Protein backbone atom coordinates (compact mmCIF):
# COMPACT_ATOMS: atom_id res chain seq x y z
CA ASP A 1 -35.48 19.53 -132.01
CA LEU A 2 -32.71 17.09 -131.42
CA LEU A 3 -30.31 19.02 -133.88
CA THR A 4 -30.83 22.28 -132.46
CA ASP A 5 -31.47 21.38 -128.79
CA VAL A 6 -34.56 23.79 -128.75
CA GLU A 7 -37.93 22.99 -127.13
CA THR A 8 -41.07 24.16 -128.54
CA ARG A 9 -44.46 24.22 -126.66
CA ILE A 10 -46.91 22.50 -129.04
CA THR A 11 -50.17 22.58 -126.98
CA SER A 12 -52.24 25.90 -126.51
CA SER A 13 -54.34 25.11 -123.36
CA MET A 14 -53.22 26.47 -120.16
CA SER A 15 -55.80 24.99 -118.08
CA ALA A 16 -56.09 21.38 -119.52
CA THR A 17 -53.84 18.07 -118.93
CA GLN A 18 -52.46 16.68 -122.18
CA SER A 19 -51.66 13.08 -122.22
CA HIS A 20 -51.12 9.99 -124.31
CA ILE A 21 -49.04 11.59 -126.99
CA ASP A 22 -48.15 9.90 -130.19
CA ILE A 23 -45.86 11.05 -133.22
CA TYR A 24 -45.48 10.13 -136.62
CA GLY A 25 -43.31 12.15 -139.08
CA ASP A 26 -44.22 15.79 -138.30
CA LYS A 27 -47.49 15.23 -136.88
CA ILE A 28 -48.20 14.81 -133.06
CA VAL A 29 -51.57 13.72 -131.46
CA TRP A 30 -52.55 13.64 -127.92
CA GLN A 31 -55.68 13.69 -125.56
CA ASN A 32 -56.46 17.03 -123.77
CA TYR A 33 -58.45 16.88 -120.84
CA THR A 34 -60.75 19.60 -119.60
CA SER A 35 -64.13 18.23 -118.44
CA ASP A 36 -64.14 15.28 -121.15
CA TYR A 37 -61.10 14.05 -123.20
CA ASP A 38 -60.81 15.20 -126.65
CA ILE A 39 -58.08 14.32 -129.33
CA TYR A 40 -55.98 16.92 -130.73
CA LEU A 41 -53.26 17.12 -133.59
CA TYR A 42 -50.32 19.43 -134.01
CA SER A 43 -48.24 19.90 -137.45
CA ILE A 44 -44.73 20.64 -136.61
CA SER A 45 -43.97 22.03 -140.23
CA THR A 46 -46.95 24.58 -140.06
CA GLY A 47 -47.08 25.07 -136.13
CA GLN A 48 -50.78 24.57 -136.34
CA GLU A 49 -52.88 22.72 -133.70
CA LYS A 50 -56.26 21.15 -134.49
CA ARG A 51 -58.82 19.84 -132.43
CA LEU A 52 -59.95 16.52 -134.14
CA THR A 53 -63.16 15.63 -131.74
CA THR A 54 -65.66 17.63 -130.27
CA ASN A 55 -68.27 15.16 -128.95
CA MET A 56 -69.35 15.54 -125.39
CA LYS A 57 -68.24 12.24 -124.23
CA SER A 58 -64.55 11.38 -123.83
CA GLN A 59 -62.27 10.37 -126.63
CA ALA A 60 -58.89 8.84 -125.54
CA TRP A 61 -55.69 7.01 -126.31
CA PRO A 62 -54.84 8.34 -129.86
CA ALA A 63 -52.17 6.95 -131.96
CA ILE A 64 -51.05 8.11 -135.51
CA TYR A 65 -49.86 6.57 -138.78
CA GLY A 66 -49.22 8.62 -141.92
CA ASP A 67 -52.15 10.67 -142.32
CA LYS A 68 -54.68 8.48 -140.21
CA VAL A 69 -55.51 8.88 -136.49
CA VAL A 70 -57.33 6.26 -134.33
CA TRP A 71 -58.59 6.63 -130.64
CA GLU A 72 -61.26 4.84 -128.45
CA ASP A 73 -64.46 6.91 -128.50
CA TYR A 74 -67.10 7.03 -125.56
CA ARG A 75 -69.89 8.60 -127.59
CA THR A 76 -72.34 5.34 -127.34
CA GLY A 77 -71.28 4.66 -123.46
CA GLU A 78 -68.90 1.84 -124.11
CA PRO A 79 -65.54 2.69 -125.89
CA ASP A 80 -65.16 1.99 -129.71
CA ILE A 81 -62.54 2.62 -131.84
CA TYR A 82 -62.97 5.61 -134.51
CA LEU A 83 -60.49 6.65 -137.40
CA TYR A 84 -59.86 10.25 -138.62
CA ASP A 85 -58.53 10.91 -141.99
CA ILE A 86 -56.40 14.06 -142.07
CA PRO A 87 -56.54 15.21 -145.55
CA THR A 88 -60.43 14.58 -145.90
CA GLY A 89 -61.27 15.63 -142.08
CA GLN A 90 -63.57 12.40 -142.44
CA LYS A 91 -64.16 10.36 -139.08
CA THR A 92 -65.25 6.74 -139.51
CA GLN A 93 -66.36 4.62 -136.82
CA ILE A 94 -64.35 1.15 -136.80
CA THR A 95 -65.87 -1.09 -134.02
CA SER A 96 -69.38 -1.07 -132.99
CA ASN A 97 -69.81 -4.19 -130.66
CA THR A 98 -71.48 -3.32 -127.18
CA ALA A 99 -68.40 -4.75 -125.50
CA ASN A 100 -65.49 -2.53 -124.72
CA GLN A 101 -62.72 -1.96 -127.50
CA ARG A 102 -59.85 0.01 -126.17
CA PHE A 103 -56.11 1.20 -126.83
CA PRO A 104 -55.89 1.18 -130.34
CA ASP A 105 -52.81 1.48 -132.60
CA ILE A 106 -52.41 1.73 -136.22
CA TYR A 107 -49.46 0.68 -138.59
CA GLY A 108 -49.80 1.12 -142.32
CA ASN A 109 -53.23 0.02 -143.22
CA LYS A 110 -53.87 -1.99 -139.96
CA ILE A 111 -55.70 -1.03 -136.90
CA VAL A 112 -55.26 -3.18 -133.81
CA TRP A 113 -56.86 -2.69 -130.33
CA TYR A 114 -57.81 -4.66 -127.23
CA ASP A 115 -61.32 -6.18 -127.31
CA TYR A 116 -63.34 -7.60 -124.51
CA ARG A 117 -66.45 -8.96 -126.50
CA ASN A 118 -65.60 -12.58 -125.67
CA GLY A 119 -65.31 -11.82 -121.99
CA ASN A 120 -61.68 -11.64 -121.88
CA CYS A 121 -58.92 -9.17 -123.41
CA ASP A 122 -58.52 -10.25 -127.00
CA ILE A 123 -56.74 -8.42 -129.71
CA TYR A 124 -58.52 -7.62 -132.73
CA MET A 125 -57.45 -6.09 -136.39
CA TYR A 126 -59.13 -4.29 -138.67
CA LYS A 127 -57.53 -3.81 -142.51
CA LEU A 128 -58.17 -0.48 -144.38
CA CYS A 129 -58.97 -0.63 -147.97
């Protein structure tokens, strides 16, 4: 807390590596590594930590805006982009191309990512309804 100069631990795992953190308002997301990566969410106002992904494959590079979290997900073998809606708990697969889609970001109702479907690294965008 910059106003009070007080540090607060937000992760509960003592045996995992937490990295690739992002913050929006009072919500923080990160990837947690034990044997695979999973995405976690922490609410500063409630002090509650929540695991957003439980798939046996890795989920990495989370980004948050408002009540939406995006990440790259390896459940199909190649990374695709997924979206999590915090109020509903609904997960949505955004991309399904067999090439790599990586490093997502979200702002407003737009999701962007690196996409390798054309043999090089292009930037793609998806607009949420």
